[in-house]
Amino acid sequence: MTAHANTLTPLLRKEVRALAPTFAAALAAVLIGGPSDDYALVTIGLLGFVFGVVSLGAQTFGQEFHHRTLGLLLAQPIPRLRIYLIKFAALSITIVALTIITLPLYGEKLARAAYRDTQPAMLLMMATCGLFLAPCLAILCRSTLAAFVFTIAIPGLLAVSGDLLGTWMYGLPNAAAIDAFKADVFWRAMSATCGLAAIASWWLFGRLEVIEGHREIALPDWLTFRPRTDVRSRRFIRSLVLKELRLQQITFVVALLYAATMVVLPWLNNLTIENLGDARRGVTILQAGLVALLIGSLSSAQERHLGMLEWQAVQPVSAWKQWTVKVAVALSLAILMGVALPALLGFWDISPRSRQVPASWMAMFVIALTTASLYISTLCRNSMSAFVLSIPVMSVALALATTLQSLLVSLIAHAYNLPRYRVRPVDVSGPHLWVVLVLTAGLLWFGFVNHRTADRSVRRVALQTLALAGSFVAGLTMVILRVGR
């Protein structure tokens, strides 16, 4: 008994320590938006809770695949049931604590919301998904990132399916009956899904085996890209491109889910024409941001996680050529899925009465997100860490950039005795584009430096951050002075 107790204590400590950073980040986001009534801060808090509980659930078992510690875990002289219960206990403690803190802060705000789907029970539903569904998908897919994406997507797919089924059964005029049927189907389906996932997670973990190599969720064989490894054929560019496409398989799944959602949305009966345009616009912007973050996060960190970055460095191909192909594929996929796919589905032609998002703005948006997440990916050991870290880092960087811009405008306007509207840089898009291009080039160069070396010390990252900040300040100052003339 004493031996078991001495063994269980380090295991529980290890699980809590592994989940602590994700819990702390989610808790910080919740506390930022909780006391405020600002829409943006409340949204950040709610997204922090949802992403936090799902990340905790996916990370509980997914970390063993990411860190390649599954063999060591299963080889310990402890029954698998005990190991599973320890992991589940650590996960339950973090998710329950985060839910108890979030419900009082956001329950009343969600109850006052105008939309029927934003009710406090949705928080409990997402916590249940993080507790049961995400761990099951992590074991099934052998990937933390895949479990995260699919856990977020399944509730939305069930809601849309219930709406379509209700429309087919009751007809378009019976909106009240359709809404009641949709709610009943959604909650019953989610309860059944989480219940089955709770049973399946133990069943899968009890039969889990350590396989040679690494195999995550993948597309069918007839859809996979199999690059040729014969460098003597001088088709190394094609092989590198196909290798990059294989790394992005989960991104193609997200794009397919988005296309299906955009096709289904017009058939939903309880959306007016104006609301339909707003819904499709919101889904498109969310998909573009998610795809950009996924593409950048997978590009470098996934190679490092799979253990293929080292032998890629010894290939008879220059490092700058490999990096150029990687960047070209990443940006091309981001433009294709974030801008071209919505245009192909008719996004730019919908809702003519409301303001539309320009395609050029969307292109700059996805390029900036992809480049920033690619740089963060070169500093991380796995794609899930890069994806989760990209969201708070970019939010903080955007807030600091906005604050710095306002401060520079005030200082220059005071120094030259000019009104603020004369030096407001947001009125001119051309000079701002050059600042964005310089920052993008700097991120790509520093990303290349980080990608080809194992040195990711704090000093190196700090110097790169200072260089980027200095470039931003210098470029923004030149823009403000030019506009103020």
Protein backbone atom coordinates (compact mmCIF):
# COMPACT_ATOMS: atom_id res chain seq x y z
CA MET A 1 0.00 0.00 0.00
CA THR A 2 2.81 2.39 0.87
CA ALA A 3 4.59 1.63 -2.38
CA HIS A 4 1.41 2.34 -4.33
CA ALA A 5 0.86 5.59 -2.43
CA ASN A 6 4.43 6.70 -3.07
CA THR A 7 3.96 5.93 -6.78
CA LEU A 8 0.60 7.61 -7.15
CA THR A 9 1.72 10.89 -5.62
CA PRO A 10 4.34 11.65 -8.33
CA LEU A 11 1.88 10.61 -11.03
CA LEU A 12 -0.79 12.99 -9.79
CA ARG A 13 1.80 15.74 -9.35
CA LYS A 14 3.00 15.17 -12.89
CA GLU A 15 -0.52 15.43 -14.32
CA VAL A 16 -1.34 18.60 -12.39
CA ARG A 17 1.97 20.18 -13.40
CA ALA A 18 1.32 19.36 -17.06
CA LEU A 19 -2.16 20.93 -16.99
CA ALA A 20 -1.20 23.97 -14.90
CA PRO A 21 -0.01 26.30 -17.72
CA THR A 22 -3.17 25.75 -19.78
CA PHE A 23 -5.35 26.21 -16.70
CA ALA A 24 -3.53 29.43 -15.77
CA ALA A 25 -3.90 30.87 -19.29
CA ALA A 26 -7.63 30.05 -19.41
CA LEU A 27 -8.17 31.45 -15.92
CA ALA A 28 -6.39 34.70 -16.86
CA ALA A 29 -8.66 35.13 -19.92
CA VAL A 30 -11.76 34.43 -17.81
CA LEU A 31 -10.75 36.96 -15.15
CA ILE A 32 -9.96 39.61 -17.77
CA GLY A 33 -13.46 39.56 -19.27
CA GLY A 34 -15.47 38.64 -16.17
CA PRO A 35 -15.75 42.02 -14.37
CA SER A 36 -16.21 43.99 -17.61
CA ASP A 37 -19.28 44.64 -19.77
CA ASP A 38 -17.18 45.36 -22.85
CA TYR A 39 -18.18 43.01 -25.68
CA ALA A 40 -14.61 42.30 -26.77
CA LEU A 41 -13.39 41.48 -23.26
CA VAL A 42 -16.42 39.30 -22.52
CA THR A 43 -15.82 37.44 -25.80
CA ILE A 44 -12.17 36.90 -24.89
CA GLY A 45 -13.21 35.52 -21.51
CA LEU A 46 -15.78 33.12 -22.94
CA LEU A 47 -13.40 31.93 -25.66
CA GLY A 48 -10.71 31.50 -23.02
CA PHE A 49 -13.03 29.25 -21.01
CA VAL A 50 -14.15 27.18 -24.01
CA PHE A 51 -10.67 26.80 -25.46
CA GLY A 52 -9.29 26.19 -21.98
CA VAL A 53 -11.55 23.29 -20.98
CA VAL A 54 -11.22 21.67 -24.40
CA SER A 55 -7.43 22.07 -24.36
CA LEU A 56 -7.24 20.57 -20.88
CA GLY A 57 -9.27 17.55 -21.98
CA ALA A 58 -7.24 17.04 -25.15
CA GLN A 59 -3.94 17.54 -23.38
CA THR A 60 -4.60 14.98 -20.61
CA PHE A 61 -3.91 12.02 -22.89
CA GLY A 62 -2.60 13.86 -25.94
CA GLN A 63 0.52 15.02 -24.11
CA GLU A 64 1.70 11.41 -23.90
CA PHE A 65 1.72 11.23 -27.72
CA HIS A 66 3.28 14.68 -28.09
CA HIS A 67 6.12 14.07 -25.64
CA ARG A 68 6.50 10.40 -26.62
CA THR A 69 6.08 9.27 -23.02
CA LEU A 70 3.28 6.78 -23.64
CA GLY A 71 5.61 3.79 -23.45
CA LEU A 72 7.07 4.95 -20.13
CA LEU A 73 3.58 5.57 -18.76
CA LEU A 74 2.19 2.17 -19.70
CA ALA A 75 5.32 0.31 -18.57
CA GLN A 76 4.95 1.40 -14.94
CA PRO A 77 3.93 -1.32 -12.43
CA ILE A 78 0.51 0.24 -11.89
CA PRO A 79 -2.84 -1.02 -13.23
CA ARG A 80 -4.12 0.96 -16.18
CA LEU A 81 -7.35 1.69 -14.37
CA ARG A 82 -5.41 3.50 -11.67
CA ILE A 83 -3.45 5.50 -14.23
CA TYR A 84 -6.68 6.43 -16.01
CA LEU A 85 -8.35 7.49 -12.75
CA ILE A 86 -5.37 9.64 -11.79
CA LYS A 87 -5.48 11.43 -15.14
CA PHE A 88 -9.24 11.83 -14.91
CA ALA A 89 -8.94 13.18 -11.34
CA ALA A 90 -6.41 15.83 -12.36
CA LEU A 91 -8.56 16.80 -15.34
CA SER A 92 -11.70 16.96 -13.21
CA ILE A 93 -10.05 19.21 -10.63
CA THR A 94 -8.92 21.77 -13.22
CA ILE A 95 -12.15 21.81 -15.27
CA VAL A 96 -14.45 21.93 -12.23
CA ALA A 97 -12.41 24.75 -10.70
CA LEU A 98 -12.45 26.73 -13.95
CA THR A 99 -16.21 26.18 -14.34
CA ILE A 100 -16.96 27.24 -10.75
CA ILE A 101 -15.06 30.49 -11.33
CA THR A 102 -16.59 31.18 -14.76
CA LEU A 103 -20.29 30.54 -14.07
CA PRO A 104 -20.82 33.38 -11.54
CA LEU A 105 -18.91 35.83 -13.73
CA TYR A 106 -20.67 35.09 -17.03
CA GLY A 107 -23.94 33.36 -16.12
CA GLU A 108 -25.98 36.54 -15.79
CA LYS A 109 -24.43 38.07 -18.91
CA LEU A 110 -25.32 35.01 -20.98
CA ALA A 111 -28.84 34.96 -19.55
CA ARG A 112 -29.34 38.58 -20.67
CA ALA A 113 -28.07 37.88 -24.19
CA ALA A 114 -30.50 38.22 -27.06
CA TYR A 115 -29.73 34.85 -28.61
CA ARG A 116 -31.38 31.71 -27.29
CA ASP A 117 -28.22 29.62 -27.79
CA THR A 118 -26.16 31.76 -25.42
CA GLN A 119 -27.41 30.33 -22.14
CA PRO A 120 -25.38 29.46 -19.05
CA ALA A 121 -26.02 25.75 -19.63
CA MET A 122 -23.78 25.98 -22.71
CA LEU A 123 -20.81 26.55 -20.40
CA LEU A 124 -21.63 23.34 -18.54
CA MET A 125 -21.99 21.54 -21.86
CA MET A 126 -18.53 22.67 -23.04
CA ALA A 127 -17.06 21.69 -19.66
CA THR A 128 -18.60 18.23 -20.10
CA CYS A 129 -17.10 18.02 -23.59
CA GLY A 130 -13.70 18.88 -22.19
CA LEU A 131 -14.11 16.29 -19.45
CA PHE A 132 -15.28 13.36 -21.58
CA LEU A 133 -15.27 14.02 -25.33
CA ALA A 134 -11.85 15.64 -25.76
CA PRO A 135 -9.89 12.86 -23.95
CA CYS A 136 -11.66 10.20 -26.02
CA LEU A 137 -10.82 11.98 -29.28
CA ALA A 138 -7.21 12.51 -28.17
CA ILE A 139 -6.76 8.77 -27.66
CA LEU A 140 -8.63 7.92 -30.85
CA CYS A 141 -6.77 10.42 -33.06
CA ARG A 142 -3.43 10.21 -31.20
CA SER A 143 -3.25 13.98 -31.58
CA THR A 144 -3.96 16.83 -29.17
CA LEU A 145 -4.65 19.31 -31.95
CA ALA A 146 -7.09 17.02 -33.77
CA ALA A 147 -8.96 16.35 -30.52
CA PHE A 148 -9.19 20.10 -29.88
CA VAL A 149 -10.56 20.91 -33.35
CA PHE A 150 -13.10 18.07 -33.47
CA THR A 151 -14.37 18.72 -29.93
CA ILE A 152 -15.15 22.30 -30.96
CA ALA A 153 -16.76 21.19 -34.23
CA ILE A 154 -19.03 18.38 -32.98
CA PRO A 155 -21.53 20.58 -31.02
CA GLY A 156 -21.91 22.88 -34.03
CA LEU A 157 -22.50 19.96 -36.39
CA LEU A 158 -25.13 18.49 -34.05
CA ALA A 159 -26.93 21.84 -33.78
CA VAL A 160 -27.04 22.28 -37.56
CA SER A 161 -28.19 18.68 -38.03
CA GLY A 162 -31.02 19.17 -35.54
CA ASP A 163 -32.16 22.33 -37.32
CA LEU A 164 -32.14 20.65 -40.72
CA LEU A 165 -34.00 17.60 -39.42
CA GLY A 166 -36.58 19.80 -37.71
CA THR A 167 -37.12 21.78 -40.91
CA TRP A 168 -37.65 18.56 -42.85
CA MET A 169 -40.13 17.22 -40.28
CA TYR A 170 -42.21 20.32 -39.48
CA GLY A 171 -41.75 22.55 -42.53
CA LEU A 172 -40.51 26.12 -42.78
CA PRO A 173 -43.57 27.92 -41.31
CA ASN A 174 -43.36 26.12 -37.94
CA ALA A 175 -40.37 28.00 -36.51
CA ALA A 176 -41.35 27.42 -32.86
CA ALA A 177 -41.69 23.65 -33.33
CA ILE A 178 -38.38 23.52 -35.19
CA ASP A 179 -36.58 25.44 -32.41
CA ALA A 180 -38.02 23.15 -29.72
CA PHE A 181 -37.08 20.05 -31.72
CA LYS A 182 -33.58 21.39 -32.38
CA ALA A 183 -32.97 22.09 -28.69
CA ASP A 184 -34.26 18.68 -27.67
CA VAL A 185 -32.18 16.85 -30.27
CA PHE A 186 -29.07 18.89 -29.49
CA TRP A 187 -29.08 18.30 -25.75
CA ARG A 188 -30.02 14.62 -26.07
CA ALA A 189 -27.35 14.06 -28.73
CA MET A 190 -24.66 15.87 -26.75
CA SER A 191 -25.54 13.96 -23.58
CA ALA A 192 -25.39 10.66 -25.46
CA THR A 193 -22.13 11.63 -27.19
CA CYS A 194 -20.41 12.63 -23.96
CA GLY A 195 -21.69 9.49 -22.21
CA LEU A 196 -20.43 7.22 -24.96
CA ALA A 197 -17.13 9.13 -25.03
CA ALA A 198 -16.68 8.59 -21.28
CA ILE A 199 -17.05 4.83 -21.75
CA ALA A 200 -15.03 4.74 -24.96
CA SER A 201 -12.12 6.69 -23.46
CA TRP A 202 -11.53 4.02 -20.82
CA TRP A 203 -12.07 1.23 -23.36
CA LEU A 204 -9.56 2.80 -25.75
CA PHE A 205 -7.02 3.54 -23.02
CA GLY A 206 -7.28 -0.02 -21.72
CA ARG A 207 -6.35 -1.33 -25.17
CA LEU A 208 -3.88 1.40 -26.06
CA GLU A 209 -0.58 0.21 -27.49
CA VAL A 210 2.69 1.91 -28.29
CA ILE A 211 3.26 1.68 -32.01
CA GLU A 212 6.50 2.20 -33.87
CA GLY A 213 6.85 5.62 -35.41
CA HIS A 214 4.09 8.17 -35.17
CA ARG A 215 0.70 8.12 -36.81
CA GLU A 216 -1.91 10.75 -36.18
CA ILE A 217 -5.33 11.13 -37.74
CA ALA A 218 -4.95 11.12 -41.50
CA LEU A 219 -6.99 11.37 -44.66
CA PRO A 220 -7.84 8.22 -46.59
CA ASP A 221 -5.02 6.70 -48.61
CA TRP A 222 -6.53 7.80 -51.92
CA LEU A 223 -6.47 11.43 -50.73
CA THR A 224 -3.01 11.43 -49.18
CA PHE A 225 0.06 12.97 -50.73
CA ARG A 226 3.01 10.61 -50.94
CA PRO A 227 6.17 12.51 -51.88
CA ARG A 228 8.96 10.79 -53.74
CA THR A 229 12.13 10.54 -51.74
CA ASP A 230 14.50 10.04 -54.66
CA VAL A 231 16.47 13.27 -54.71
CA ARG A 232 18.41 12.17 -57.79
CA SER A 233 15.25 12.69 -59.83
CA ARG A 234 15.71 16.43 -59.19
CA ARG A 235 12.09 16.72 -58.15
CA PHE A 236 12.94 17.88 -54.65
CA ILE A 237 10.66 20.91 -54.93
CA ARG A 238 7.68 18.70 -55.67
CA SER A 239 8.64 16.36 -52.83
CA LEU A 240 8.97 19.25 -50.40
CA VAL A 241 5.59 20.67 -51.44
CA LEU A 242 3.88 17.30 -50.98
CA LYS A 243 5.59 16.88 -47.61
CA GLU A 244 4.21 20.24 -46.48
CA LEU A 245 0.72 19.30 -47.69
CA ARG A 246 0.86 16.08 -45.68
CA LEU A 247 1.58 18.10 -42.56
CA GLN A 248 -1.61 20.13 -43.17
CA GLN A 249 -4.12 17.27 -43.33
CA ILE A 250 -6.14 18.50 -40.36
CA THR A 251 -6.37 21.92 -42.04
CA PHE A 252 -8.12 20.33 -45.02
CA VAL A 253 -10.62 18.74 -42.63
CA VAL A 254 -11.40 22.17 -41.12
CA ALA A 255 -11.87 23.63 -44.61
CA LEU A 256 -14.28 20.82 -45.52
CA LEU A 257 -16.30 21.46 -42.34
CA TYR A 258 -16.44 25.16 -43.20
CA ALA A 259 -17.60 24.46 -46.76
CA ALA A 260 -20.33 22.15 -45.46
CA THR A 261 -21.46 24.81 -42.96
CA MET A 262 -21.61 27.53 -45.61
CA VAL A 263 -23.70 25.29 -47.87
CA VAL A 264 -26.09 24.34 -45.06
CA LEU A 265 -26.60 27.80 -43.51
CA PRO A 266 -28.99 29.14 -46.21
CA TRP A 267 -31.35 26.22 -45.50
CA LEU A 268 -31.81 27.15 -41.86
CA ASN A 269 -35.30 28.51 -41.47
CA ASN A 270 -34.90 30.74 -38.41
CA LEU A 271 -32.41 33.19 -39.93
CA THR A 272 -33.50 36.28 -41.83
CA ILE A 273 -31.58 37.49 -44.88
CA GLU A 274 -29.66 40.06 -42.83
CA ASN A 275 -28.89 37.60 -40.04
CA LEU A 276 -27.83 35.02 -42.60
CA GLY A 277 -25.24 37.40 -43.97
CA ASP A 278 -23.97 38.18 -40.48
CA ALA A 279 -23.80 34.48 -39.62
CA ARG A 280 -21.89 33.58 -42.76
CA ARG A 281 -19.55 36.54 -42.28
CA GLY A 282 -18.81 35.52 -38.71
CA VAL A 283 -18.23 31.89 -39.66
CA THR A 284 -15.95 32.95 -42.53
CA ILE A 285 -13.79 35.24 -40.40
CA LEU A 286 -13.59 32.60 -37.67
CA GLN A 287 -12.63 29.93 -40.20
CA ALA A 288 -10.02 32.18 -41.82
CA GLY A 289 -8.40 32.91 -38.47
CA LEU A 290 -8.54 29.28 -37.36
CA VAL A 291 -7.07 28.00 -40.63
CA ALA A 292 -4.29 30.60 -40.57
CA LEU A 293 -3.34 29.65 -37.01
CA LEU A 294 -3.46 25.94 -37.83
CA ILE A 295 -1.32 26.29 -40.95
CA GLY A 296 1.35 28.30 -39.20
CA SER A 297 1.34 26.11 -36.09
CA LEU A 298 1.70 22.89 -38.06
CA SER A 299 4.39 24.08 -40.48
CA SER A 300 7.44 23.98 -38.19
CA ALA A 301 6.43 22.57 -34.80
CA GLN A 302 4.84 19.47 -36.33
CA GLU A 303 8.12 18.53 -38.01
CA ARG A 304 9.92 18.93 -34.72
CA HIS A 305 7.30 16.86 -32.93
CA LEU A 306 7.44 14.06 -35.50
CA GLY A 307 11.24 13.93 -35.19
CA MET A 308 11.81 14.71 -38.88
CA LEU A 309 13.32 18.17 -38.55
CA GLU A 310 16.82 16.88 -37.84
CA TRP A 311 17.06 14.62 -40.85
CA GLN A 312 15.45 17.28 -43.03
CA ALA A 313 18.45 19.46 -42.19
CA VAL A 314 20.87 16.89 -43.65
CA GLN A 315 19.02 16.55 -46.96
CA PRO A 316 21.02 17.61 -50.07
CA VAL A 317 18.80 20.69 -50.39
CA SER A 318 19.72 24.14 -49.12
CA ALA A 319 18.03 25.20 -45.89
CA TRP A 320 16.80 28.45 -47.45
CA LYS A 321 15.15 26.52 -50.29
CA GLN A 322 13.34 24.25 -47.83
CA TRP A 323 12.20 27.28 -45.81
CA THR A 324 11.08 29.12 -48.96
CA VAL A 325 8.96 26.15 -50.02
CA LYS A 326 7.50 25.89 -46.51
CA VAL A 327 6.54 29.58 -46.42
CA ALA A 328 5.16 29.52 -49.96
CA VAL A 329 2.96 26.50 -49.25
CA ALA A 330 1.76 27.92 -45.92
CA LEU A 331 0.81 31.33 -47.34
CA SER A 332 -0.73 29.80 -50.47
CA LEU A 333 -2.92 27.47 -48.40
CA ALA A 334 -3.93 30.35 -46.13
CA ILE A 335 -4.99 32.48 -49.10
CA LEU A 336 -6.70 29.54 -50.77
CA MET A 337 -8.74 28.50 -47.73
CA GLY A 338 -9.22 31.89 -46.09
CA VAL A 339 -9.99 34.03 -49.15
CA ALA A 340 -10.46 31.94 -52.31
CA LEU A 341 -12.73 29.31 -50.75
CA PRO A 342 -15.23 31.87 -49.33
CA ALA A 343 -15.22 33.65 -52.69
CA LEU A 344 -15.91 30.37 -54.47
CA LEU A 345 -18.85 29.70 -52.15
CA GLY A 346 -20.30 33.13 -52.93
CA PHE A 347 -19.46 34.81 -49.65
CA TRP A 348 -18.63 38.16 -51.25
CA ASP A 349 -22.02 38.34 -52.97
CA ILE A 350 -24.26 37.73 -49.96
CA SER A 351 -26.06 40.28 -47.78
CA PRO A 352 -25.81 43.26 -50.13
CA ARG A 353 -27.50 45.58 -47.62
CA SER A 354 -24.83 45.15 -44.98
CA ARG A 355 -21.18 46.08 -45.03
CA GLN A 356 -18.94 43.37 -46.40
CA VAL A 357 -15.39 42.52 -45.49
CA PRO A 358 -13.05 43.41 -48.39
CA ALA A 359 -11.13 40.53 -49.92
CA SER A 360 -7.89 42.52 -49.68
CA TRP A 361 -8.39 42.97 -45.94
CA MET A 362 -9.05 39.26 -45.54
CA ALA A 363 -5.87 38.47 -47.48
CA MET A 364 -3.76 40.73 -45.23
CA PHE A 365 -5.51 39.25 -42.19
CA VAL A 366 -4.73 35.63 -43.03
CA ILE A 367 -1.16 36.42 -44.18
CA ALA A 368 -0.40 38.26 -40.95
CA LEU A 369 -1.90 35.51 -38.77
CA THR A 370 -0.13 32.76 -40.72
CA THR A 371 3.23 34.50 -40.57
CA ALA A 372 2.95 35.24 -36.85
CA SER A 373 1.82 31.70 -35.98
CA LEU A 374 4.60 30.27 -38.18
CA TYR A 375 7.16 32.29 -36.22
CA ILE A 376 5.68 31.07 -32.91
CA SER A 377 5.71 27.53 -34.32
CA THR A 378 9.50 27.72 -34.75
CA LEU A 379 9.78 28.29 -30.98
CA CYS A 380 7.56 25.38 -29.89
CA ARG A 381 8.10 21.64 -29.68
CA ASN A 382 4.64 20.61 -30.88
CA SER A 383 1.80 22.05 -32.93
CA MET A 384 -0.72 22.17 -30.08
CA SER A 385 1.56 24.36 -27.98
CA ALA A 386 2.12 26.65 -30.96
CA PHE A 387 -1.62 26.89 -31.66
CA VAL A 388 -2.60 27.61 -28.05
CA LEU A 389 0.27 30.05 -27.55
CA SER A 390 -0.49 31.97 -30.76
CA ILE A 391 -3.87 33.26 -29.53
CA PRO A 392 -2.74 35.10 -26.34
CA VAL A 393 0.55 36.25 -27.88
CA MET A 394 -1.19 37.84 -30.87
CA SER A 395 -3.87 39.39 -28.65
CA VAL A 396 -1.25 40.98 -26.41
CA ALA A 397 0.80 42.11 -29.43
CA LEU A 398 -2.25 43.71 -31.04
CA ALA A 399 -3.20 45.50 -27.82
CA LEU A 400 0.35 46.80 -27.37
CA ALA A 401 0.55 47.91 -31.01
CA THR A 402 -2.73 49.82 -30.72
CA THR A 403 -1.62 51.49 -27.49
CA LEU A 404 1.76 52.35 -28.94
CA GLN A 405 0.17 53.85 -32.05
CA SER A 406 -2.07 56.11 -29.95
CA LEU A 407 0.89 57.18 -27.84
CA LEU A 408 3.03 58.02 -30.87
CA VAL A 409 0.19 60.00 -32.43
CA SER A 410 -0.20 62.06 -29.25
CA LEU A 411 3.54 62.68 -28.87
CA ILE A 412 4.11 63.72 -32.50
CA ALA A 413 0.99 65.88 -32.58
CA HIS A 414 2.15 67.67 -29.44
CA ALA A 415 5.74 68.05 -30.68
CA TYR A 416 4.73 69.56 -34.04
CA ASN A 417 1.70 71.43 -32.68
CA LEU A 418 -0.69 69.64 -35.03
CA PRO A 419 -4.25 68.47 -34.49
CA ARG A 420 -4.60 64.71 -33.95
CA TYR A 421 -6.64 64.17 -37.10
CA ARG A 422 -3.66 65.43 -39.18
CA VAL A 423 -1.37 62.70 -37.89
CA ARG A 424 -3.84 59.86 -37.54
CA PRO A 425 -2.19 57.02 -39.48
CA VAL A 426 -5.34 54.95 -39.90
CA ASP A 427 -6.47 57.36 -42.61
CA VAL A 428 -3.74 56.19 -44.97
CA SER A 429 -3.51 52.49 -45.89
CA GLY A 430 -0.54 52.63 -48.27
CA PRO A 431 2.22 53.51 -45.77
CA HIS A 432 0.72 51.08 -43.25
CA LEU A 433 1.08 48.32 -45.81
CA TRP A 434 4.83 48.87 -45.90
CA VAL A 435 5.03 48.57 -42.11
CA VAL A 436 3.13 45.28 -42.27
CA LEU A 437 5.42 44.02 -45.03
CA VAL A 438 8.55 44.91 -43.06
CA LEU A 439 7.21 43.12 -39.96
CA THR A 440 6.21 40.11 -42.06
CA ALA A 441 9.69 39.93 -43.59
CA GLY A 442 11.25 40.20 -40.14
CA LEU A 443 9.06 37.42 -38.75
CA LEU A 444 9.90 35.15 -41.68
CA TRP A 445 13.63 35.79 -41.35
CA PHE A 446 13.67 35.19 -37.60
CA GLY A 447 11.48 32.14 -38.14
CA PHE A 448 14.06 30.78 -40.59
CA VAL A 449 16.83 31.36 -38.04
CA ASN A 450 14.84 29.56 -35.33
CA HIS A 451 13.75 26.72 -37.62
CA ARG A 452 17.27 25.68 -38.57
CA THR A 453 18.72 25.71 -35.05
CA ALA A 454 17.90 24.12 -31.71
CA ASP A 455 18.79 27.29 -29.77
CA ARG A 456 15.58 28.88 -28.48
CA SER A 457 16.96 30.65 -25.47
CA VAL A 458 15.18 33.53 -23.79
CA ARG A 459 17.95 35.86 -24.89
CA ARG A 460 17.48 34.99 -28.57
CA VAL A 461 13.69 35.44 -28.41
CA ALA A 462 14.06 38.71 -26.47
CA LEU A 463 16.47 40.14 -29.03
CA GLN A 464 14.16 39.15 -31.89
CA THR A 465 11.19 40.72 -30.12
CA LEU A 466 13.10 43.95 -29.53
CA ALA A 467 14.16 44.07 -33.19
CA LEU A 468 10.57 43.61 -34.36
CA ALA A 469 9.29 46.21 -31.90
CA GLY A 470 11.96 48.67 -33.01
CA SER A 471 11.07 48.14 -36.66
CA PHE A 472 7.40 48.70 -35.86
CA VAL A 473 8.08 51.93 -33.95
CA ALA A 474 10.38 53.28 -36.66
CA GLY A 475 8.00 52.44 -39.47
CA LEU A 476 4.96 53.79 -37.65
CA THR A 477 6.79 57.02 -36.82
CA MET A 478 7.64 57.54 -40.49
CA VAL A 479 4.01 56.92 -41.43
CA ILE A 480 2.72 59.42 -38.86
CA LEU A 481 5.22 62.08 -39.92
CA ARG A 482 4.33 61.57 -43.58
CA VAL A 483 0.62 61.85 -42.93
CA GLY A 484 1.06 64.89 -40.73
CA ARG A 485 2.73 66.97 -43.42
